[in-house]
Amino acid sequence: MSFGRPGNASINFAATPPERGSFPLDHDGECKEFMVKYLQCMKGAKSQSTDCRHLSKEYLNCRMEKGLMERANWQDLGFQEGEGGEGKKPTAKHTQGPSPGLERS
């Protein structure tokens, strides 16, 4: 059935991937440890990402190193020069071990 065009129209559409925002899922869990740490931090920080930015950067770095996303400049990803691993660390309550619902399989 054709909606809005003649029924005999033979138009082929080629799908093109978006420039950004589309990347392979981490099916093998190569960066799951970083994701879990970030989610725990966000939970402890009441979803305020400021205290967890260094974990976000570590997660993105893992994805770039494992080829799960294209390598990009940190400034293009919203990070300032020198921000990240040596930056502000979360409090102890944000760095506890995995919570029961987020354990690795």
PDB file of N, CA and C in Angstrom:
ATOM      1  N   MET A   1       0.836  -1.163   0.000  1.00  0.00           N
ATOM      2  CA  MET A   1       0.000   0.000   0.000  1.00  0.00           C
ATOM      3  C   MET A   1       0.888   1.236   0.000  1.00  0.00           C
ATOM      4  N   SER A   2       0.530   2.236  -0.745  1.00  0.00           N
ATOM      5  CA  SER A   2       1.336   3.454  -0.796  1.00  0.00           C
ATOM      6  C   SER A   2       0.508   4.621  -0.279  1.00  0.00           C
ATOM      7  N   PHE A   3       1.076   5.330   0.630  1.00  0.00           N
ATOM      8  CA  PHE A   3       0.395   6.470   1.219  1.00  0.00           C
ATOM      9  C   PHE A   3       1.003   7.751   0.669  1.00  0.00           C
ATOM     10  N   GLY A   4       0.242   8.535  -0.050  1.00  0.00           N
ATOM     11  CA  GLY A   4       0.688   9.825  -0.524  1.00  0.00           C
ATOM     12  C   GLY A   4       1.482   9.811  -1.814  1.00  0.00           C
ATOM     13  N   ARG A   5       1.593   8.672  -2.470  1.00  0.00           N
ATOM     14  CA  ARG A   5       2.286   8.620  -3.761  1.00  0.00           C
ATOM     15  C   ARG A   5       1.610   7.557  -4.630  1.00  0.00           C
ATOM     16  N   PRO A   6       1.831   7.627  -5.893  1.00  0.00           N
ATOM     17  CA  PRO A   6       1.213   6.637  -6.774  1.00  0.00           C
ATOM     18  C   PRO A   6       1.668   5.215  -6.433  1.00  0.00           C
ATOM     19  N   GLY A   7       0.787   4.269  -6.596  1.00  0.00           N
ATOM     20  CA  GLY A   7       1.085   2.887  -6.263  1.00  0.00           C
ATOM     21  C   GLY A   7       2.150   2.253  -7.121  1.00  0.00           C
ATOM     22  N   ASN A   8       2.387   2.792  -8.298  1.00  0.00           N
ATOM     23  CA  ASN A   8       3.383   2.195  -9.167  1.00  0.00           C
ATOM     24  C   ASN A   8       4.747   2.877  -9.075  1.00  0.00           C
ATOM     25  N   ALA A   9       4.912   3.808  -8.171  1.00  0.00           N
ATOM     26  CA  ALA A   9       6.189   4.522  -8.032  1.00  0.00           C
ATOM     27  C   ALA A   9       7.246   3.577  -7.487  1.00  0.00           C
ATOM     28  N   SER A  10       8.355   3.547  -8.155  1.00  0.00           N
ATOM     29  CA  SER A  10       9.448   2.672  -7.765  1.00  0.00           C
ATOM     30  C   SER A  10      10.634   3.538  -7.336  1.00  0.00           C
ATOM     31  N   ILE A  11      10.615   3.962  -6.093  1.00  0.00           N
ATOM     32  CA  ILE A  11      11.676   4.824  -5.563  1.00  0.00           C
ATOM     33  C   ILE A  11      12.449   4.036  -4.514  1.00  0.00           C
ATOM     34  N   ASN A  12      13.739   3.982  -4.699  1.00  0.00           N
ATOM     35  CA  ASN A  12      14.597   3.316  -3.721  1.00  0.00           C
ATOM     36  C   ASN A  12      15.242   4.358  -2.823  1.00  0.00           C
ATOM     37  N   PHE A  13      15.118   4.172  -1.534  1.00  0.00           N
ATOM     38  CA  PHE A  13      15.722   5.071  -0.577  1.00  0.00           C
ATOM     39  C   PHE A  13      16.925   4.374   0.038  1.00  0.00           C
ATOM     40  N   ALA A  14      18.050   5.051   0.072  1.00  0.00           N
ATOM     41  CA  ALA A  14      19.251   4.500   0.690  1.00  0.00           C
ATOM     42  C   ALA A  14      19.405   5.117   2.081  1.00  0.00           C
ATOM     43  N   ALA A  15      19.475   4.278   3.064  1.00  0.00           N
ATOM     44  CA  ALA A  15      19.649   4.759   4.431  1.00  0.00           C
ATOM     45  C   ALA A  15      21.097   5.162   4.653  1.00  0.00           C
ATOM     46  N   THR A  16      21.290   6.297   5.276  1.00  0.00           N
ATOM     47  CA  THR A  16      22.638   6.741   5.614  1.00  0.00           C
ATOM     48  C   THR A  16      22.719   6.927   7.123  1.00  0.00           C
ATOM     49  N   PRO A  17      23.810   6.477   7.737  1.00  0.00           N
ATOM     50  CA  PRO A  17      23.927   6.615   9.185  1.00  0.00           C
ATOM     51  C   PRO A  17      24.125   8.075   9.585  1.00  0.00           C
ATOM     52  N   PRO A  18      23.695   8.440  10.777  1.00  0.00           N
ATOM     53  CA  PRO A  18      23.901   9.815  11.247  1.00  0.00           C
ATOM     54  C   PRO A  18      25.387  10.072  11.482  1.00  0.00           C
ATOM     55  N   GLU A  19      25.785  11.347  11.424  1.00  0.00           N
ATOM     56  CA  GLU A  19      27.183  11.686  11.651  1.00  0.00           C
ATOM     57  C   GLU A  19      27.600  11.400  13.088  1.00  0.00           C
ATOM     58  N   ARG A  20      26.743  11.681  14.025  1.00  0.00           N
ATOM     59  CA  ARG A  20      27.038  11.461  15.440  1.00  0.00           C
ATOM     60  C   ARG A  20      25.826  10.834  16.110  1.00  0.00           C
ATOM     61  N   GLY A  21      26.078  10.204  17.261  1.00  0.00           N
ATOM     62  CA  GLY A  21      24.979   9.677  18.052  1.00  0.00           C
ATOM     63  C   GLY A  21      24.651   8.226  17.780  1.00  0.00           C
ATOM     64  N   SER A  22      25.338   7.614  16.832  1.00  0.00           N
ATOM     65  CA  SER A  22      25.084   6.211  16.547  1.00  0.00           C
ATOM     66  C   SER A  22      26.397   5.455  16.666  1.00  0.00           C
ATOM     67  N   PHE A  23      26.427   4.467  17.532  1.00  0.00           N
ATOM     68  CA  PHE A  23      27.643   3.690  17.719  1.00  0.00           C
ATOM     69  C   PHE A  23      27.267   2.295  18.163  1.00  0.00           C
ATOM     70  N   PRO A  24      28.172   1.327  17.980  1.00  0.00           N
ATOM     71  CA  PRO A  24      27.859  -0.054  18.346  1.00  0.00           C
ATOM     72  C   PRO A  24      27.570  -0.205  19.838  1.00  0.00           C
ATOM     73  N   LEU A  25      26.632  -1.060  20.151  1.00  0.00           N
ATOM     74  CA  LEU A  25      26.356  -1.372  21.546  1.00  0.00           C
ATOM     75  C   LEU A  25      27.481  -2.244  22.089  1.00  0.00           C
ATOM     76  N   ASP A  26      27.673  -2.189  23.372  1.00  0.00           N
ATOM     77  CA  ASP A  26      28.729  -2.954  24.034  1.00  0.00           C
ATOM     78  C   ASP A  26      28.187  -4.327  24.410  1.00  0.00           C
ATOM     79  N   HIS A  27      27.923  -5.158  23.404  1.00  0.00           N
ATOM     80  CA  HIS A  27      27.330  -6.474  23.633  1.00  0.00           C
ATOM     81  C   HIS A  27      28.202  -7.376  24.504  1.00  0.00           C
ATOM     82  N   ASP A  28      29.524  -7.236  24.396  1.00  0.00           N
ATOM     83  CA  ASP A  28      30.434  -8.090  25.155  1.00  0.00           C
ATOM     84  C   ASP A  28      30.749  -7.540  26.543  1.00  0.00           C
ATOM     85  N   GLY A  29      30.212  -6.385  26.879  1.00  0.00           N
ATOM     86  CA  GLY A  29      30.426  -5.806  28.203  1.00  0.00           C
ATOM     87  C   GLY A  29      31.847  -5.337  28.438  1.00  0.00           C
ATOM     88  N   GLU A  30      32.540  -4.936  27.382  1.00  0.00           N
ATOM     89  CA  GLU A  30      33.934  -4.513  27.517  1.00  0.00           C
ATOM     90  C   GLU A  30      34.083  -3.279  28.393  1.00  0.00           C
ATOM     91  N   CYS A  31      33.083  -2.411  28.423  1.00  0.00           N
ATOM     92  CA  CYS A  31      33.157  -1.179  29.206  1.00  0.00           C
ATOM     93  C   CYS A  31      32.078  -1.132  30.293  1.00  0.00           C
ATOM     94  N   LYS A  32      31.504  -2.271  30.598  1.00  0.00           N
ATOM     95  CA  LYS A  32      30.407  -2.328  31.564  1.00  0.00           C
ATOM     96  C   LYS A  32      30.841  -1.848  32.947  1.00  0.00           C
ATOM     97  N   GLU A  33      32.057  -2.184  33.341  1.00  0.00           N
ATOM     98  CA  GLU A  33      32.567  -1.768  34.656  1.00  0.00           C
ATOM     99  C   GLU A  33      32.501  -0.245  34.804  1.00  0.00           C
ATOM    100  N   PHE A  34      32.886   0.489  33.765  1.00  0.00           N
ATOM    101  CA  PHE A  34      32.864   1.947  33.806  1.00  0.00           C
ATOM    102  C   PHE A  34      31.430   2.467  33.837  1.00  0.00           C
ATOM    103  N   MET A  35      30.545   1.805  33.094  1.00  0.00           N
ATOM    104  CA  MET A  35      29.141   2.203  33.064  1.00  0.00           C
ATOM    105  C   MET A  35      28.507   2.019  34.444  1.00  0.00           C
ATOM    106  N   VAL A  36      28.791   0.887  35.089  1.00  0.00           N
ATOM    107  CA  VAL A  36      28.209   0.595  36.397  1.00  0.00           C
ATOM    108  C   VAL A  36      28.696   1.611  37.432  1.00  0.00           C
ATOM    109  N   LYS A  37      29.982   1.930  37.399  1.00  0.00           N
ATOM    110  CA  LYS A  37      30.526   2.932  38.335  1.00  0.00           C
ATOM    111  C   LYS A  37      29.834   4.277  38.141  1.00  0.00           C
ATOM    112  N   TYR A  38      29.639   4.671  36.887  1.00  0.00           N
ATOM    113  CA  TYR A  38      28.980   5.936  36.591  1.00  0.00           C
ATOM    114  C   TYR A  38      27.542   5.935  37.097  1.00  0.00           C
ATOM    115  N   LEU A  39      26.801   4.861  36.832  1.00  0.00           N
ATOM    116  CA  LEU A  39      25.407   4.788  37.278  1.00  0.00           C
ATOM    117  C   LEU A  39      25.303   4.804  38.801  1.00  0.00           C
ATOM    118  N   GLN A  40      26.234   4.142  39.479  1.00  0.00           N
ATOM    119  CA  GLN A  40      26.233   4.169  40.941  1.00  0.00           C
ATOM    120  C   GLN A  40      26.516   5.575  41.457  1.00  0.00           C
ATOM    121  N   CYS A  41      27.453   6.244  40.815  1.00  0.00           N
ATOM    122  CA  CYS A  41      27.767   7.615  41.196  1.00  0.00           C
ATOM    123  C   CYS A  41      26.553   8.516  41.003  1.00  0.00           C
ATOM    124  N   MET A  42      25.883   8.375  39.866  1.00  0.00           N
ATOM    125  CA  MET A  42      24.702   9.197  39.600  1.00  0.00           C
ATOM    126  C   MET A  42      23.604   8.935  40.632  1.00  0.00           C
ATOM    127  N   LYS A  43      23.448   7.686  41.017  1.00  0.00           N
ATOM    128  CA  LYS A  43      22.442   7.355  42.023  1.00  0.00           C
ATOM    129  C   LYS A  43      22.799   8.014  43.358  1.00  0.00           C
ATOM    130  N   GLY A  44      24.063   7.932  43.745  1.00  0.00           N
ATOM    131  CA  GLY A  44      24.507   8.536  45.000  1.00  0.00           C
ATOM    132  C   GLY A  44      24.482  10.049  44.982  1.00  0.00           C
ATOM    133  N   ALA A  45      24.623  10.628  43.792  1.00  0.00           N
ATOM    134  CA  ALA A  45      24.632  12.087  43.646  1.00  0.00           C
ATOM    135  C   ALA A  45      23.251  12.627  43.301  1.00  0.00           C
ATOM    136  N   LYS A  46      22.228  11.804  43.451  1.00  0.00           N
ATOM    137  CA  LYS A  46      20.850  12.200  43.155  1.00  0.00           C
ATOM    138  C   LYS A  46      20.717  12.748  41.729  1.00  0.00           C
ATOM    139  N   SER A  47      21.339  12.037  40.775  1.00  0.00           N
ATOM    140  CA  SER A  47      21.283  12.332  39.343  1.00  0.00           C
ATOM    141  C   SER A  47      21.900  13.675  38.956  1.00  0.00           C
ATOM    142  N   GLN A  48      22.791  14.207  39.791  1.00  0.00           N
ATOM    143  CA  GLN A  48      23.535  15.418  39.457  1.00  0.00           C
ATOM    144  C   GLN A  48      24.892  14.977  38.901  1.00  0.00           C
ATOM    145  N   SER A  49      25.127  15.212  37.634  1.00  0.00           N
ATOM    146  CA  SER A  49      26.286  14.640  36.949  1.00  0.00           C
ATOM    147  C   SER A  49      27.619  15.308  37.273  1.00  0.00           C
ATOM    148  N   THR A  50      27.623  16.456  37.913  1.00  0.00           N
ATOM    149  CA  THR A  50      28.870  17.180  38.163  1.00  0.00           C
ATOM    150  C   THR A  50      29.898  16.327  38.885  1.00  0.00           C
ATOM    151  N   ASP A  51      29.500  15.634  39.939  1.00  0.00           N
ATOM    152  CA  ASP A  51      30.428  14.814  40.706  1.00  0.00           C
ATOM    153  C   ASP A  51      30.856  13.555  39.958  1.00  0.00           C
ATOM    154  N   CYS A  52      30.193  13.234  38.886  1.00  0.00           N
ATOM    155  CA  CYS A  52      30.447  11.971  38.176  1.00  0.00           C
ATOM    156  C   CYS A  52      31.085  12.167  36.812  1.00  0.00           C
ATOM    157  N   ARG A  53      31.446  13.393  36.478  1.00  0.00           N
ATOM    158  CA  ARG A  53      31.988  13.676  35.140  1.00  0.00           C
ATOM    159  C   ARG A  53      33.257  12.890  34.845  1.00  0.00           C
ATOM    160  N   HIS A  54      34.105  12.705  35.846  1.00  0.00           N
ATOM    161  CA  HIS A  54      35.346  11.956  35.604  1.00  0.00           C
ATOM    162  C   HIS A  54      35.041  10.506  35.222  1.00  0.00           C
ATOM    163  N   LEU A  55      33.965   9.946  35.776  1.00  0.00           N
ATOM    164  CA  LEU A  55      33.578   8.575  35.426  1.00  0.00           C
ATOM    165  C   LEU A  55      33.000   8.519  34.011  1.00  0.00           C
ATOM    166  N   SER A  56      32.301   9.559  33.634  1.00  0.00           N
ATOM    167  CA  SER A  56      31.770   9.641  32.271  1.00  0.00           C
ATOM    168  C   SER A  56      32.926   9.669  31.272  1.00  0.00           C
ATOM    169  N   LYS A  57      33.957  10.435  31.599  1.00  0.00           N
ATOM    170  CA  LYS A  57      35.123  10.521  30.720  1.00  0.00           C
ATOM    171  C   LYS A  57      35.836   9.174  30.634  1.00  0.00           C
ATOM    172  N   GLU A  58      35.952   8.468  31.754  1.00  0.00           N
ATOM    173  CA  GLU A  58      36.584   7.143  31.750  1.00  0.00           C
ATOM    174  C   GLU A  58      35.788   6.170  30.883  1.00  0.00           C
ATOM    175  N   TYR A  59      34.470   6.232  30.968  1.00  0.00           N
ATOM    176  CA  TYR A  59      33.611   5.368  30.164  1.00  0.00           C
ATOM    177  C   TYR A  59      33.795   5.659  28.672  1.00  0.00           C
ATOM    178  N   LEU A  60      33.768   6.935  28.306  1.00  0.00           N
ATOM    179  CA  LEU A  60      33.941   7.294  26.905  1.00  0.00           C
ATOM    180  C   LEU A  60      35.331   6.904  26.405  1.00  0.00           C
ATOM    181  N   ASN A  61      36.342   7.055  27.265  1.00  0.00           N
ATOM    182  CA  ASN A  61      37.694   6.661  26.888  1.00  0.00           C
ATOM    183  C   ASN A  61      37.752   5.156  26.626  1.00  0.00           C
ATOM    184  N   CYS A  62      37.111   4.360  27.466  1.00  0.00           N
ATOM    185  CA  CYS A  62      37.059   2.914  27.265  1.00  0.00           C
ATOM    186  C   CYS A  62      36.415   2.590  25.921  1.00  0.00           C
ATOM    187  N   ARG A  63      35.304   3.235  25.615  1.00  0.00           N
ATOM    188  CA  ARG A  63      34.607   2.977  24.351  1.00  0.00           C
ATOM    189  C   ARG A  63      35.491   3.322  23.155  1.00  0.00           C
ATOM    190  N   MET A  64      36.246   4.419  23.262  1.00  0.00           N
ATOM    191  CA  MET A  64      37.122   4.803  22.162  1.00  0.00           C
ATOM    192  C   MET A  64      38.276   3.810  22.021  1.00  0.00           C
ATOM    193  N   GLU A  65      38.844   3.380  23.141  1.00  0.00           N
ATOM    194  CA  GLU A  65      39.959   2.430  23.102  1.00  0.00           C
ATOM    195  C   GLU A  65      39.537   1.076  22.544  1.00  0.00           C
ATOM    196  N   LYS A  66      38.311   0.654  22.819  1.00  0.00           N
ATOM    197  CA  LYS A  66      37.819  -0.654  22.362  1.00  0.00           C
ATOM    198  C   LYS A  66      37.183  -0.594  20.975  1.00  0.00           C
ATOM    199  N   GLY A  67      37.181   0.585  20.360  1.00  0.00           N
ATOM    200  CA  GLY A  67      36.617   0.720  19.023  1.00  0.00           C
ATOM    201  C   GLY A  67      35.100   0.724  18.995  1.00  0.00           C
ATOM    202  N   LEU A  68      34.476   1.029  20.135  1.00  0.00           N
ATOM    203  CA  LEU A  68      33.010   1.067  20.202  1.00  0.00           C
ATOM    204  C   LEU A  68      32.462   2.434  19.824  1.00  0.00           C
ATOM    205  N   MET A  69      33.345   3.396  19.673  1.00  0.00           N
ATOM    206  CA  MET A  69      32.961   4.708  19.165  1.00  0.00           C
ATOM    207  C   MET A  69      34.199   5.343  18.548  1.00  0.00           C
ATOM    208  N   GLU A  70      33.963   6.269  17.663  1.00  0.00           N
ATOM    209  CA  GLU A  70      35.056   6.956  16.990  1.00  0.00           C
ATOM    210  C   GLU A  70      35.809   7.838  17.974  1.00  0.00           C
ATOM    211  N   ARG A  71      37.136   7.877  17.856  1.00  0.00           N
ATOM    212  CA  ARG A  71      37.941   8.724  18.729  1.00  0.00           C
ATOM    213  C   ARG A  71      37.594  10.181  18.440  1.00  0.00           C
ATOM    214  N   ALA A  72      37.418  10.963  19.503  1.00  0.00           N
ATOM    215  CA  ALA A  72      37.054  12.374  19.367  1.00  0.00           C
ATOM    216  C   ALA A  72      37.845  13.194  20.376  1.00  0.00           C
ATOM    217  N   ASN A  73      37.979  14.479  20.089  1.00  0.00           N
ATOM    218  CA  ASN A  73      38.628  15.383  21.043  1.00  0.00           C
ATOM    219  C   ASN A  73      37.738  15.539  22.258  1.00  0.00           C
ATOM    220  N   TRP A  74      38.359  15.627  23.431  1.00  0.00           N
ATOM    221  CA  TRP A  74      37.582  15.763  24.664  1.00  0.00           C
ATOM    222  C   TRP A  74      36.752  17.039  24.642  1.00  0.00           C
ATOM    223  N   GLN A  75      37.275  18.106  24.054  1.00  0.00           N
ATOM    224  CA  GLN A  75      36.519  19.360  23.982  1.00  0.00           C
ATOM    225  C   GLN A  75      35.236  19.167  23.169  1.00  0.00           C
ATOM    226  N   ASP A  76      35.308  18.336  22.130  1.00  0.00           N
ATOM    227  CA  ASP A  76      34.114  18.071  21.312  1.00  0.00           C
ATOM    228  C   ASP A  76      33.063  17.279  22.085  1.00  0.00           C
ATOM    229  N   LEU A  77      33.499  16.576  23.131  1.00  0.00           N
ATOM    230  CA  LEU A  77      32.578  15.777  23.943  1.00  0.00           C
ATOM    231  C   LEU A  77      32.131  16.519  25.200  1.00  0.00           C
ATOM    232  N   GLY A  78      32.520  17.793  25.323  1.00  0.00           N
ATOM    233  CA  GLY A  78      32.058  18.614  26.444  1.00  0.00           C
ATOM    234  C   GLY A  78      32.969  18.621  27.656  1.00  0.00           C
ATOM    235  N   PHE A  79      34.202  18.131  27.505  1.00  0.00           N
ATOM    236  CA  PHE A  79      35.148  18.137  28.613  1.00  0.00           C
ATOM    237  C   PHE A  79      36.200  19.211  28.377  1.00  0.00           C
ATOM    238  N   GLN A  80      36.659  19.836  29.468  1.00  0.00           N
ATOM    239  CA  GLN A  80      37.703  20.836  29.388  1.00  0.00           C
ATOM    240  C   GLN A  80      39.065  20.171  29.491  1.00  0.00           C
ATOM    241  N   GLU A  81      40.099  20.852  29.037  1.00  0.00           N
ATOM    242  CA  GLU A  81      41.461  20.347  29.124  1.00  0.00           C
ATOM    243  C   GLU A  81      41.823  20.075  30.577  1.00  0.00           C
ATOM    244  N   GLY A  82      42.347  18.898  30.856  1.00  0.00           N
ATOM    245  CA  GLY A  82      42.763  18.539  32.215  1.00  0.00           C
ATOM    246  C   GLY A  82      41.635  18.006  33.078  1.00  0.00           C
ATOM    247  N   GLU A  83      40.403  18.052  32.606  1.00  0.00           N
ATOM    248  CA  GLU A  83      39.273  17.542  33.380  1.00  0.00           C
ATOM    249  C   GLU A  83      39.212  16.035  33.234  1.00  0.00           C
ATOM    250  N   GLY A  84      38.875  15.358  34.306  1.00  0.00           N
ATOM    251  CA  GLY A  84      38.717  13.908  34.198  1.00  0.00           C
ATOM    252  C   GLY A  84      39.397  13.191  35.320  1.00  0.00           C
ATOM    253  N   GLY A  85      40.274  12.234  35.007  1.00  0.00           N
ATOM    254  CA  GLY A  85      40.909  11.373  35.991  1.00  0.00           C
ATOM    255  C   GLY A  85      41.571  12.108  37.131  1.00  0.00           C
ATOM    256  N   GLU A  86      42.252  13.227  36.824  1.00  0.00           N
ATOM    257  CA  GLU A  86      42.908  13.967  37.884  1.00  0.00           C
ATOM    258  C   GLU A  86      42.025  15.061  38.471  1.00  0.00           C
ATOM    259  N   GLY A  87      40.811  15.152  37.999  1.00  0.00           N
ATOM    260  CA  GLY A  87      39.871  16.170  38.458  1.00  0.00           C
ATOM    261  C   GLY A  87      39.221  15.801  39.776  1.00  0.00           C
ATOM    262  N   LYS A  88      38.086  16.416  40.036  1.00  0.00           N
ATOM    263  CA  LYS A  88      37.351  16.202  41.276  1.00  0.00           C
ATOM    264  C   LYS A  88      36.890  14.759  41.390  1.00  0.00           C
ATOM    265  N   LYS A  89      37.178  14.149  42.521  1.00  0.00           N
ATOM    266  CA  LYS A  89      36.774  12.763  42.765  1.00  0.00           C
ATOM    267  C   LYS A  89      35.482  12.760  43.567  1.00  0.00           C
ATOM    268  N   PRO A  90      34.645  11.759  43.366  1.00  0.00           N
ATOM    269  CA  PRO A  90      33.409  11.683  44.145  1.00  0.00           C
ATOM    270  C   PRO A  90      33.701  11.280  45.571  1.00  0.00           C
ATOM    271  N   THR A  91      32.734  11.500  46.432  1.00  0.00           N
ATOM    272  CA  THR A  91      32.873  11.086  47.815  1.00  0.00           C
ATOM    273  C   THR A  91      32.787   9.579  47.906  1.00  0.00           C
ATOM    274  N   ALA A  92      33.142   9.015  49.048  1.00  0.00           N
ATOM    275  CA  ALA A  92      33.189   7.562  49.228  1.00  0.00           C
ATOM    276  C   ALA A  92      31.849   6.907  48.927  1.00  0.00           C
ATOM    277  N   LYS A  93      30.747   7.579  49.223  1.00  0.00           N
ATOM    278  CA  LYS A  93      29.441   6.962  48.988  1.00  0.00           C
ATOM    279  C   LYS A  93      29.168   6.743  47.502  1.00  0.00           C
ATOM    280  N   HIS A  94      29.896   7.450  46.616  1.00  0.00           N
ATOM    281  CA  HIS A  94      29.697   7.293  45.177  1.00  0.00           C
ATOM    282  C   HIS A  94      30.579   6.223  44.569  1.00  0.00           C
ATOM    283  N   THR A  95      31.527   5.672  45.328  1.00  0.00           N
ATOM    284  CA  THR A  95      32.474   4.727  44.750  1.00  0.00           C
ATOM    285  C   THR A  95      32.380   3.354  45.382  1.00  0.00           C
ATOM    286  N   GLN A  96      31.273   3.042  46.004  1.00  0.00           N
ATOM    287  CA  GLN A  96      31.100   1.733  46.603  1.00  0.00           C
ATOM    288  C   GLN A  96      31.021   0.670  45.524  1.00  0.00           C
ATOM    289  N   GLY A  97      31.155  -0.597  45.934  1.00  0.00           N
ATOM    290  CA  GLY A  97      31.090  -1.713  44.999  1.00  0.00           C
ATOM    291  C   GLY A  97      29.742  -1.797  44.318  1.00  0.00           C
ATOM    292  N   PRO A  98      29.607  -2.727  43.380  1.00  0.00           N
ATOM    293  CA  PRO A  98      28.348  -2.835  42.620  1.00  0.00           C
ATOM    294  C   PRO A  98      27.151  -3.074  43.525  1.00  0.00           C
ATOM    295  N   SER A  99      26.059  -2.413  43.202  1.00  0.00           N
ATOM    296  CA  SER A  99      24.840  -2.655  43.950  1.00  0.00           C
ATOM    297  C   SER A  99      24.242  -3.973  43.477  1.00  0.00           C
ATOM    298  N   PRO A 100      23.391  -4.598  44.260  1.00  0.00           N
ATOM    299  CA  PRO A 100      22.865  -5.905  43.909  1.00  0.00           C
ATOM    300  C   PRO A 100      22.227  -5.979  42.535  1.00  0.00           C
ATOM    301  N   GLY A 101      21.585  -4.919  42.079  1.00  0.00           N
ATOM    302  CA  GLY A 101      20.906  -4.943  40.789  1.00  0.00           C
ATOM    303  C   GLY A 101      21.828  -4.721  39.606  1.00  0.00           C
ATOM    304  N   LEU A 102      23.084  -4.298  39.836  1.00  0.00           N
ATOM    305  CA  LEU A 102      23.971  -3.971  38.743  1.00  0.00           C
ATOM    306  C   LEU A 102      25.233  -4.835  38.717  1.00  0.00           C
ATOM    307  N   GLU A 103      25.166  -6.022  39.259  1.00  0.00           N
ATOM    308  CA  GLU A 103      26.334  -6.885  39.268  1.00  0.00           C
ATOM    309  C   GLU A 103      26.671  -7.376  37.885  1.00  0.00           C
ATOM    310  N   ARG A 104      27.977  -7.631  37.663  1.00  0.00           N
ATOM    311  CA  ARG A 104      28.404  -8.133  36.362  1.00  0.00           C
ATOM    312  C   ARG A 104      27.983  -9.588  36.209  1.00  0.00           C
ATOM    313  N   SER A 105      27.685  -9.943  34.968  1.00  0.00           N
ATOM    314  CA  SER A 105      27.290 -11.327  34.717  1.00  0.00           C
ATOM    315  C   SER A 105      28.444 -12.131  34.199  1.00  0.00           C
TER     316      SER A 105
END
